[in-house]
């Protein structure tokens, strides 16, 4: 991959709605080119026979079993509500 250009940096900044100066664009061009260079070094590694991983740790399902259990009642849920009506929380209207 070729180095990133100042025009590409300005284009990405525009897409991200970032206002950058010419000096910042020049600096970011150098920094991003260095980052891309480091990433390209990975292409030099021999990954033949290496299985793809989705996580660095060998993890299996660590979630608890989804089992039904007792929950709080509607009255308990509304116990500390500052304003309630007909079993629901009441909040100020935000639209007319």
PDB file of N, CA and C in Angstrom:
ATOM      1  N   UNK A   1       0.855  -1.181   0.000  1.00  0.00           N
ATOM      2  CA  UNK A   1       0.000   0.000   0.000  1.00  0.00           C
ATOM      3  C   UNK A   1       0.890   1.230   0.000  1.00  0.00           C
ATOM      4  N   UNK A   2       0.489   2.218  -0.748  1.00  0.00           N
ATOM      5  CA  UNK A   2       1.280   3.448  -0.809  1.00  0.00           C
ATOM      6  C   UNK A   2       0.988   4.326   0.399  1.00  0.00           C
ATOM      7  N   UNK A   3       1.845   5.315   0.570  1.00  0.00           N
ATOM      8  CA  UNK A   3       1.647   6.243   1.686  1.00  0.00           C
ATOM      9  C   UNK A   3       0.357   7.024   1.521  1.00  0.00           C
ATOM     10  N   UNK A   4      -0.172   7.450   2.631  1.00  0.00           N
ATOM     11  CA  UNK A   4      -1.377   8.262   2.613  1.00  0.00           C
ATOM     12  C   UNK A   4      -1.001   9.688   2.213  1.00  0.00           C
ATOM     13  N   UNK A   5      -1.872  10.346   1.479  1.00  0.00           N
ATOM     14  CA  UNK A   5      -1.588  11.708   1.015  1.00  0.00           C
ATOM     15  C   UNK A   5      -2.290  12.729   1.885  1.00  0.00           C
ATOM     16  N   UNK A   6      -1.826  13.968   1.770  1.00  0.00           N
ATOM     17  CA  UNK A   6      -2.453  15.046   2.535  1.00  0.00           C
ATOM     18  C   UNK A   6      -3.903  15.235   2.090  1.00  0.00           C
ATOM     19  N   UNK A   7      -4.169  15.056   0.794  1.00  0.00           N
ATOM     20  CA  UNK A   7      -5.544  15.178   0.304  1.00  0.00           C
ATOM     21  C   UNK A   7      -6.451  14.112   0.913  1.00  0.00           C
ATOM     22  N   UNK A   8      -5.932  12.901   1.088  1.00  0.00           N
ATOM     23  CA  UNK A   8      -6.723  11.841   1.718  1.00  0.00           C
ATOM     24  C   UNK A   8      -7.016  12.189   3.181  1.00  0.00           C
ATOM     25  N   UNK A   9      -6.032  12.742   3.866  1.00  0.00           N
ATOM     26  CA  UNK A   9      -6.232  13.151   5.264  1.00  0.00           C
ATOM     27  C   UNK A   9      -7.302  14.233   5.341  1.00  0.00           C
ATOM     28  N   UNK A  10      -7.228  15.198   4.449  1.00  0.00           N
ATOM     29  CA  UNK A  10      -8.233  16.275   4.440  1.00  0.00           C
ATOM     30  C   UNK A  10      -9.622  15.715   4.134  1.00  0.00           C
ATOM     31  N   UNK A  11      -9.680  14.743   3.214  1.00  0.00           N
ATOM     32  CA  UNK A  11     -10.969  14.141   2.863  1.00  0.00           C
ATOM     33  C   UNK A  11     -11.581  13.413   4.059  1.00  0.00           C
ATOM     34  N   UNK A  12     -10.779  12.627   4.753  1.00  0.00           N
ATOM     35  CA  UNK A  12     -11.276  11.907   5.930  1.00  0.00           C
ATOM     36  C   UNK A  12     -11.680  12.891   7.019  1.00  0.00           C
ATOM     37  N   UNK A  13     -10.899  13.943   7.199  1.00  0.00           N
ATOM     38  CA  UNK A  13     -11.248  14.959   8.196  1.00  0.00           C
ATOM     39  C   UNK A  13     -12.583  15.607   7.840  1.00  0.00           C
ATOM     40  N   UNK A  14     -12.785  15.876   6.553  1.00  0.00           N
ATOM     41  CA  UNK A  14     -14.059  16.460   6.112  1.00  0.00           C
ATOM     42  C   UNK A  14     -15.221  15.507   6.394  1.00  0.00           C
ATOM     43  N   UNK A  15     -15.034  14.220   6.086  1.00  0.00           N
ATOM     44  CA  UNK A  15     -16.082  13.231   6.341  1.00  0.00           C
ATOM     45  C   UNK A  15     -16.404  13.132   7.830  1.00  0.00           C
ATOM     46  N   UNK A  16     -15.375  13.297   8.662  1.00  0.00           N
ATOM     47  CA  UNK A  16     -15.565  13.217  10.111  1.00  0.00           C
ATOM     48  C   UNK A  16     -15.992  14.562  10.694  1.00  0.00           C
ATOM     49  N   UNK A  17     -16.189  15.531   9.837  1.00  0.00           N
ATOM     50  CA  UNK A  17     -16.589  16.888  10.247  1.00  0.00           C
ATOM     51  C   UNK A  17     -15.573  17.510  11.199  1.00  0.00           C
ATOM     52  N   UNK A  18     -14.293  17.315  10.867  1.00  0.00           N
ATOM     53  CA  UNK A  18     -13.205  17.884  11.658  1.00  0.00           C
ATOM     54  C   UNK A  18     -12.569  19.016  10.870  1.00  0.00           C
ATOM     55  N   UNK A  19     -12.388  20.140  11.517  1.00  0.00           N
ATOM     56  CA  UNK A  19     -11.698  21.266  10.890  1.00  0.00           C
ATOM     57  C   UNK A  19     -10.220  21.153  11.241  1.00  0.00           C
ATOM     58  N   UNK A  20      -9.382  20.971  10.215  1.00  0.00           N
ATOM     59  CA  UNK A  20      -7.945  20.875  10.463  1.00  0.00           C
ATOM     60  C   UNK A  20      -7.229  21.907   9.596  1.00  0.00           C
ATOM     61  N   UNK A  21      -6.122  22.397  10.109  1.00  0.00           N
ATOM     62  CA  UNK A  21      -5.313  23.363   9.375  1.00  0.00           C
ATOM     63  C   UNK A  21      -4.361  22.616   8.446  1.00  0.00           C
ATOM     64  N   UNK A  22      -3.677  23.380   7.588  1.00  0.00           N
ATOM     65  CA  UNK A  22      -2.682  22.781   6.684  1.00  0.00           C
ATOM     66  C   UNK A  22      -1.560  22.113   7.477  1.00  0.00           C
ATOM     67  N   UNK A  23      -1.127  22.776   8.563  1.00  0.00           N
ATOM     68  CA  UNK A  23      -0.071  22.198   9.394  1.00  0.00           C
ATOM     69  C   UNK A  23      -0.526  20.892  10.045  1.00  0.00           C
ATOM     70  N   UNK A  24      -1.767  20.878  10.537  1.00  0.00           N
ATOM     71  CA  UNK A  24      -2.296  19.659  11.145  1.00  0.00           C
ATOM     72  C   UNK A  24      -2.428  18.545  10.111  1.00  0.00           C
ATOM     73  N   UNK A  25      -2.848  18.909   8.889  1.00  0.00           N
ATOM     74  CA  UNK A  25      -2.975  17.908   7.833  1.00  0.00           C
ATOM     75  C   UNK A  25      -1.609  17.298   7.507  1.00  0.00           C
ATOM     76  N   UNK A  26      -0.591  18.132   7.457  1.00  0.00           N
ATOM     77  CA  UNK A  26       0.751  17.628   7.169  1.00  0.00           C
ATOM     78  C   UNK A  26       1.242  16.705   8.277  1.00  0.00           C
ATOM     79  N   UNK A  27       1.009  17.099   9.529  1.00  0.00           N
ATOM     80  CA  UNK A  27       1.435  16.281  10.667  1.00  0.00           C
ATOM     81  C   UNK A  27       0.672  14.955  10.705  1.00  0.00           C
ATOM     82  N   UNK A  28      -0.639  15.028  10.482  1.00  0.00           N
ATOM     83  CA  UNK A  28      -1.447  13.804  10.491  1.00  0.00           C
ATOM     84  C   UNK A  28      -1.054  12.872   9.343  1.00  0.00           C
ATOM     85  N   UNK A  29      -0.666  13.437   8.225  1.00  0.00           N
ATOM     86  CA  UNK A  29      -0.219  12.622   7.098  1.00  0.00           C
ATOM     87  C   UNK A  29       1.003  11.804   7.491  1.00  0.00           C
ATOM     88  N   UNK A  30       1.946  12.446   8.155  1.00  0.00           N
ATOM     89  CA  UNK A  30       3.153  11.719   8.601  1.00  0.00           C
ATOM     90  C   UNK A  30       2.795  10.647   9.626  1.00  0.00           C
ATOM     91  N   UNK A  31       1.957  11.008  10.600  1.00  0.00           N
ATOM     92  CA  UNK A  31       1.600  10.062  11.656  1.00  0.00           C
ATOM     93  C   UNK A  31       0.825   8.859  11.102  1.00  0.00           C
ATOM     94  N   UNK A  32      -0.134   9.128  10.223  1.00  0.00           N
ATOM     95  CA  UNK A  32      -0.928   8.031   9.668  1.00  0.00           C
ATOM     96  C   UNK A  32      -0.088   7.149   8.750  1.00  0.00           C
ATOM     97  N   UNK A  33       0.858   7.744   8.026  1.00  0.00           N
ATOM     98  CA  UNK A  33       1.757   6.941   7.188  1.00  0.00           C
ATOM     99  C   UNK A  33       2.594   6.007   8.052  1.00  0.00           C
ATOM    100  N   UNK A  34       3.036   6.494   9.203  1.00  0.00           N
ATOM    101  CA  UNK A  34       3.816   5.648  10.111  1.00  0.00           C
ATOM    102  C   UNK A  34       2.957   4.506  10.654  1.00  0.00           C
ATOM    103  N   UNK A  35       1.722   4.796  11.000  1.00  0.00           N
ATOM    104  CA  UNK A  35       0.811   3.764  11.516  1.00  0.00           C
ATOM    105  C   UNK A  35       0.571   2.697  10.441  1.00  0.00           C
ATOM    106  N   UNK A  36       0.328   3.134   9.210  1.00  0.00           N
ATOM    107  CA  UNK A  36       0.105   2.188   8.117  1.00  0.00           C
ATOM    108  C   UNK A  36       1.358   1.350   7.886  1.00  0.00           C
ATOM    109  N   UNK A  37       2.526   1.977   8.001  1.00  0.00           N
ATOM    110  CA  UNK A  37       3.785   1.246   7.846  1.00  0.00           C
ATOM    111  C   UNK A  37       3.931   0.147   8.881  1.00  0.00           C
ATOM    112  N   UNK A  38       3.566   0.460  10.132  1.00  0.00           N
ATOM    113  CA  UNK A  38       3.630  -0.563  11.184  1.00  0.00           C
ATOM    114  C   UNK A  38       2.657  -1.701  10.887  1.00  0.00           C
ATOM    115  N   UNK A  39       1.456  -1.351  10.424  1.00  0.00           N
ATOM    116  CA  UNK A  39       0.464  -2.381  10.121  1.00  0.00           C
ATOM    117  C   UNK A  39       0.913  -3.244   8.947  1.00  0.00           C
ATOM    118  N   UNK A  40       1.596  -2.651   7.982  1.00  0.00           N
ATOM    119  CA  UNK A  40       2.062  -3.414   6.829  1.00  0.00           C
ATOM    120  C   UNK A  40       3.145  -4.421   7.207  1.00  0.00           C
ATOM    121  N   UNK A  41       3.832  -4.190   8.302  1.00  0.00           N
ATOM    122  CA  UNK A  41       4.843  -5.145   8.757  1.00  0.00           C
ATOM    123  C   UNK A  41       4.217  -6.499   9.069  1.00  0.00           C
ATOM    124  N   UNK A  42       2.940  -6.510   9.399  1.00  0.00           N
ATOM    125  CA  UNK A  42       2.255  -7.772   9.690  1.00  0.00           C
ATOM    126  C   UNK A  42       2.187  -8.664   8.454  1.00  0.00           C
ATOM    127  N   UNK A  43       2.217  -8.059   7.260  1.00  0.00           N
ATOM    128  CA  UNK A  43       2.186  -8.849   6.021  1.00  0.00           C
ATOM    129  C   UNK A  43       3.450  -9.682   5.861  1.00  0.00           C
ATOM    130  N   UNK A  44       4.509  -9.334   6.559  1.00  0.00           N
ATOM    131  CA  UNK A  44       5.769 -10.064   6.450  1.00  0.00           C
ATOM    132  C   UNK A  44       5.778 -11.344   7.284  1.00  0.00           C
ATOM    133  N   UNK A  45       4.814 -11.483   8.182  1.00  0.00           N
ATOM    134  CA  UNK A  45       4.774 -12.661   9.047  1.00  0.00           C
ATOM    135  C   UNK A  45       4.204 -13.864   8.313  1.00  0.00           C
ATOM    136  N   UNK A  46       4.750 -15.023   8.621  1.00  0.00           N
ATOM    137  CA  UNK A  46       4.239 -16.270   8.059  1.00  0.00           C
ATOM    138  C   UNK A  46       3.099 -16.751   8.943  1.00  0.00           C
ATOM    139  N   UNK A  47       1.890 -16.665   8.440  1.00  0.00           N
ATOM    140  CA  UNK A  47       0.719 -17.078   9.219  1.00  0.00           C
ATOM    141  C   UNK A  47       0.123 -18.385   8.701  1.00  0.00           C
ATOM    142  N   UNK A  48       0.883 -19.090   7.905  1.00  0.00           N
ATOM    143  CA  UNK A  48       0.416 -20.376   7.376  1.00  0.00           C
ATOM    144  C   UNK A  48       0.180 -21.338   8.540  1.00  0.00           C
ATOM    145  N   UNK A  49      -0.989 -21.914   8.603  1.00  0.00           N
ATOM    146  CA  UNK A  49      -1.310 -22.886   9.638  1.00  0.00           C
ATOM    147  C   UNK A  49      -1.759 -22.262  10.958  1.00  0.00           C
ATOM    148  N   UNK A  50      -1.860 -20.952  11.033  1.00  0.00           N
ATOM    149  CA  UNK A  50      -2.315 -20.296  12.255  1.00  0.00           C
ATOM    150  C   UNK A  50      -3.820 -20.107  12.155  1.00  0.00           C
ATOM    151  N   UNK A  51      -4.529 -20.661  13.128  1.00  0.00           N
ATOM    152  CA  UNK A  51      -5.982 -20.545  13.110  1.00  0.00           C
ATOM    153  C   UNK A  51      -6.406 -19.129  13.476  1.00  0.00           C
ATOM    154  N   UNK A  52      -7.413 -18.604  12.786  1.00  0.00           N
ATOM    155  CA  UNK A  52      -7.940 -17.289  13.156  1.00  0.00           C
ATOM    156  C   UNK A  52      -8.549 -17.341  14.553  1.00  0.00           C
ATOM    157  N   UNK A  53      -8.420 -16.264  15.287  1.00  0.00           N
ATOM    158  CA  UNK A  53      -8.999 -16.203  16.633  1.00  0.00           C
ATOM    159  C   UNK A  53      -9.963 -15.045  16.719  1.00  0.00           C
ATOM    160  N   UNK A  54     -10.956 -15.214  17.553  1.00  0.00           N
ATOM    161  CA  UNK A  54     -11.891 -14.125  17.801  1.00  0.00           C
ATOM    162  C   UNK A  54     -11.621 -13.474  19.148  1.00  0.00           C
ATOM    163  N   UNK A  55     -10.819 -14.140  19.975  1.00  0.00           N
ATOM    164  CA  UNK A  55     -10.497 -13.623  21.302  1.00  0.00           C
ATOM    165  C   UNK A  55      -9.141 -14.177  21.702  1.00  0.00           C
ATOM    166  N   UNK A  56      -8.371 -13.379  22.412  1.00  0.00           N
ATOM    167  CA  UNK A  56      -7.027 -13.826  22.775  1.00  0.00           C
ATOM    168  C   UNK A  56      -7.038 -14.908  23.843  1.00  0.00           C
ATOM    169  N   UNK A  57      -8.104 -15.014  24.599  1.00  0.00           N
ATOM    170  CA  UNK A  57      -8.208 -16.039  25.626  1.00  0.00           C
ATOM    171  C   UNK A  57      -9.111 -17.166  25.130  1.00  0.00           C
ATOM    172  N   UNK A  58      -8.816 -18.377  25.540  1.00  0.00           N
ATOM    173  CA  UNK A  58      -9.638 -19.514  25.173  1.00  0.00           C
ATOM    174  C   UNK A  58     -10.863 -19.533  26.073  1.00  0.00           C
ATOM    175  N   UNK A  59     -11.893 -18.819  25.642  1.00  0.00           N
ATOM    176  CA  UNK A  59     -13.089 -18.687  26.470  1.00  0.00           C
ATOM    177  C   UNK A  59     -14.250 -19.448  25.834  1.00  0.00           C
ATOM    178  N   UNK A  60     -14.989 -20.098  26.671  1.00  0.00           N
ATOM    179  CA  UNK A  60     -16.235 -20.733  26.243  1.00  0.00           C
ATOM    180  C   UNK A  60     -17.370 -19.869  26.764  1.00  0.00           C
ATOM    181  N   UNK A  61     -18.569 -20.338  26.650  1.00  0.00           N
ATOM    182  CA  UNK A  61     -19.719 -19.563  27.088  1.00  0.00           C
ATOM    183  C   UNK A  61     -19.587 -19.227  28.572  1.00  0.00           C
ATOM    184  N   UNK A  62     -19.353 -17.971  28.872  1.00  0.00           N
ATOM    185  CA  UNK A  62     -19.173 -17.547  30.259  1.00  0.00           C
ATOM    186  C   UNK A  62     -20.441 -16.908  30.819  1.00  0.00           C
ATOM    187  N   UNK A  63     -21.502 -16.953  30.051  1.00  0.00           N
ATOM    188  CA  UNK A  63     -22.759 -16.375  30.512  1.00  0.00           C
ATOM    189  C   UNK A  63     -23.469 -17.375  31.429  1.00  0.00           C
ATOM    190  N   UNK A  64     -24.231 -16.860  32.330  1.00  0.00           N
ATOM    191  CA  UNK A  64     -25.008 -17.736  33.197  1.00  0.00           C
ATOM    192  C   UNK A  64     -26.145 -18.355  32.399  1.00  0.00           C
ATOM    193  N   UNK A  65     -26.672 -19.433  32.889  1.00  0.00           N
ATOM    194  CA  UNK A  65     -27.806 -20.062  32.225  1.00  0.00           C
ATOM    195  C   UNK A  65     -29.009 -19.136  32.311  1.00  0.00           C
ATOM    196  N   UNK A  66     -29.774 -19.109  31.253  1.00  0.00           N
ATOM    197  CA  UNK A  66     -30.967 -18.273  31.202  1.00  0.00           C
ATOM    198  C   UNK A  66     -32.123 -19.053  31.793  1.00  0.00           C
ATOM    199  N   UNK A  67     -32.291 -18.866  33.097  1.00  0.00           N
ATOM    200  CA  UNK A  67     -33.331 -19.589  33.800  1.00  0.00           C
ATOM    201  C   UNK A  67     -34.313 -18.593  34.409  1.00  0.00           C
ATOM    202  N   UNK A  68     -35.605 -18.888  34.329  1.00  0.00           N
ATOM    203  CA  UNK A  68     -36.583 -17.971  34.917  1.00  0.00           C
ATOM    204  C   UNK A  68     -36.452 -17.945  36.433  1.00  0.00           C
ATOM    205  N   UNK A  69     -36.651 -16.788  37.013  1.00  0.00           N
ATOM    206  CA  UNK A  69     -36.650 -16.670  38.461  1.00  0.00           C
ATOM    207  C   UNK A  69     -37.547 -15.506  38.859  1.00  0.00           C
ATOM    208  N   UNK A  70     -37.828 -15.415  40.106  1.00  0.00           N
ATOM    209  CA  UNK A  70     -38.740 -14.385  40.602  1.00  0.00           C
ATOM    210  C   UNK A  70     -38.137 -12.998  40.407  1.00  0.00           C
ATOM    211  N   UNK A  71     -38.995 -12.042  40.048  1.00  0.00           N
ATOM    212  CA  UNK A  71     -38.563 -10.651  39.896  1.00  0.00           C
ATOM    213  C   UNK A  71     -39.381  -9.786  40.841  1.00  0.00           C
ATOM    214  N   UNK A  72     -39.083  -8.498  40.844  1.00  0.00           N
ATOM    215  CA  UNK A  72     -39.843  -7.602  41.713  1.00  0.00           C
ATOM    216  C   UNK A  72     -41.210  -7.344  41.093  1.00  0.00           C
ATOM    217  N   UNK A  73     -42.137  -6.986  41.917  1.00  0.00           N
ATOM    218  CA  UNK A  73     -43.493  -6.708  41.445  1.00  0.00           C
ATOM    219  C   UNK A  73     -43.562  -5.296  40.876  1.00  0.00           C
ATOM    220  N   UNK A  74     -44.649  -5.016  40.181  1.00  0.00           N
ATOM    221  CA  UNK A  74     -44.833  -3.678  39.602  1.00  0.00           C
ATOM    222  C   UNK A  74     -44.884  -2.629  40.719  1.00  0.00           C
ATOM    223  N   UNK A  75     -45.510  -2.965  41.809  1.00  0.00           N
ATOM    224  CA  UNK A  75     -45.591  -2.027  42.932  1.00  0.00           C
ATOM    225  C   UNK A  75     -44.202  -1.719  43.495  1.00  0.00           C
ATOM    226  N   UNK A  76     -43.365  -2.755  43.606  1.00  0.00           N
ATOM    227  CA  UNK A  76     -42.000  -2.546  44.102  1.00  0.00           C
ATOM    228  C   UNK A  76     -41.189  -1.689  43.131  1.00  0.00           C
ATOM    229  N   UNK A  77     -41.395  -1.897  41.827  1.00  0.00           N
ATOM    230  CA  UNK A  77     -40.659  -1.126  40.830  1.00  0.00           C
ATOM    231  C   UNK A  77     -41.053   0.348  40.875  1.00  0.00           C
ATOM    232  N   UNK A  78     -42.315   0.616  41.197  1.00  0.00           N
ATOM    233  CA  UNK A  78     -42.808   2.002  41.220  1.00  0.00           C
ATOM    234  C   UNK A  78     -42.742   2.628  42.605  1.00  0.00           C
ATOM    235  N   UNK A  79     -42.254   1.888  43.583  1.00  0.00           N
ATOM    236  CA  UNK A  79     -42.262   2.339  44.975  1.00  0.00           C
ATOM    237  C   UNK A  79     -41.619   3.715  45.150  1.00  0.00           C
ATOM    238  N   UNK A  80     -40.487   3.977  44.514  1.00  0.00           N
ATOM    239  CA  UNK A  80     -39.776   5.245  44.689  1.00  0.00           C
ATOM    240  C   UNK A  80     -39.989   6.227  43.546  1.00  0.00           C
ATOM    241  N   UNK A  81     -40.933   5.932  42.658  1.00  0.00           N
ATOM    242  CA  UNK A  81     -41.185   6.832  41.532  1.00  0.00           C
ATOM    243  C   UNK A  81     -41.753   8.149  42.050  1.00  0.00           C
ATOM    244  N   UNK A  82     -41.190   9.270  41.627  1.00  0.00           N
ATOM    245  CA  UNK A  82     -41.699  10.551  42.097  1.00  0.00           C
ATOM    246  C   UNK A  82     -43.103  10.851  41.582  1.00  0.00           C
ATOM    247  N   UNK A  83     -43.448  10.326  40.400  1.00  0.00           N
ATOM    248  CA  UNK A  83     -44.775  10.577  39.835  1.00  0.00           C
ATOM    249  C   UNK A  83     -45.191   9.330  39.062  1.00  0.00           C
ATOM    250  N   UNK A  84     -46.336   8.778  39.412  1.00  0.00           N
ATOM    251  CA  UNK A  84     -46.814   7.563  38.743  1.00  0.00           C
ATOM    252  C   UNK A  84     -48.317   7.637  38.580  1.00  0.00           C
ATOM    253  N   UNK A  85     -48.827   6.925  37.589  1.00  0.00           N
ATOM    254  CA  UNK A  85     -50.269   6.891  37.351  1.00  0.00           C
ATOM    255  C   UNK A  85     -50.600   5.600  36.622  1.00  0.00           C
ATOM    256  N   UNK A  86     -51.602   4.911  37.078  1.00  0.00           N
ATOM    257  CA  UNK A  86     -52.093   3.686  36.449  1.00  0.00           C
ATOM    258  C   UNK A  86     -50.988   2.649  36.228  1.00  0.00           C
ATOM    259  N   UNK A  87     -50.070   2.531  37.192  1.00  0.00           N
ATOM    260  CA  UNK A  87     -49.030   1.523  37.110  1.00  0.00           C
ATOM    261  C   UNK A  87     -47.861   1.877  36.204  1.00  0.00           C
ATOM    262  N   UNK A  88     -47.724   3.153  35.837  1.00  0.00           N
ATOM    263  CA  UNK A  88     -46.646   3.578  34.963  1.00  0.00           C
ATOM    264  C   UNK A  88     -45.938   4.792  35.562  1.00  0.00           C
ATOM    265  N   UNK A  89     -44.682   4.987  35.143  1.00  0.00           N
ATOM    266  CA  UNK A  89     -43.955   6.205  35.509  1.00  0.00           C
ATOM    267  C   UNK A  89     -44.561   7.359  34.706  1.00  0.00           C
ATOM    268  N   UNK A  90     -44.649   8.504  35.336  1.00  0.00           N
ATOM    269  CA  UNK A  90     -45.091   9.703  34.615  1.00  0.00           C
ATOM    270  C   UNK A  90     -43.887  10.621  34.495  1.00  0.00           C
ATOM    271  N   UNK A  91     -43.680  11.133  33.297  1.00  0.00           N
ATOM    272  CA  UNK A  91     -42.569  12.055  33.035  1.00  0.00           C
ATOM    273  C   UNK A  91     -43.117  13.293  32.338  1.00  0.00           C
ATOM    274  N   UNK A  92     -42.372  14.380  32.410  1.00  0.00           N
ATOM    275  CA  UNK A  92     -42.839  15.590  31.726  1.00  0.00           C
ATOM    276  C   UNK A  92     -42.898  15.372  30.227  1.00  0.00           C
ATOM    277  N   UNK A  93     -43.885  15.977  29.587  1.00  0.00           N
ATOM    278  CA  UNK A  93     -44.019  15.889  28.131  1.00  0.00           C
ATOM    279  C   UNK A  93     -42.874  16.649  27.470  1.00  0.00           C
ATOM    280  N   UNK A  94     -42.348  16.087  26.379  1.00  0.00           N
ATOM    281  CA  UNK A  94     -41.279  16.788  25.669  1.00  0.00           C
ATOM    282  C   UNK A  94     -41.765  17.310  24.316  1.00  0.00           C
ATOM    283  N   UNK A  95     -42.972  16.934  23.926  1.00  0.00           N
ATOM    284  CA  UNK A  95     -43.551  17.425  22.681  1.00  0.00           C
ATOM    285  C   UNK A  95     -44.956  17.939  22.970  1.00  0.00           C
ATOM    286  N   UNK A  96     -45.391  18.838  22.130  1.00  0.00           N
ATOM    287  CA  UNK A  96     -46.761  19.352  22.289  1.00  0.00           C
ATOM    288  C   UNK A  96     -47.759  18.436  21.673  1.00  0.00           C
TER     289      UNK A  96
END
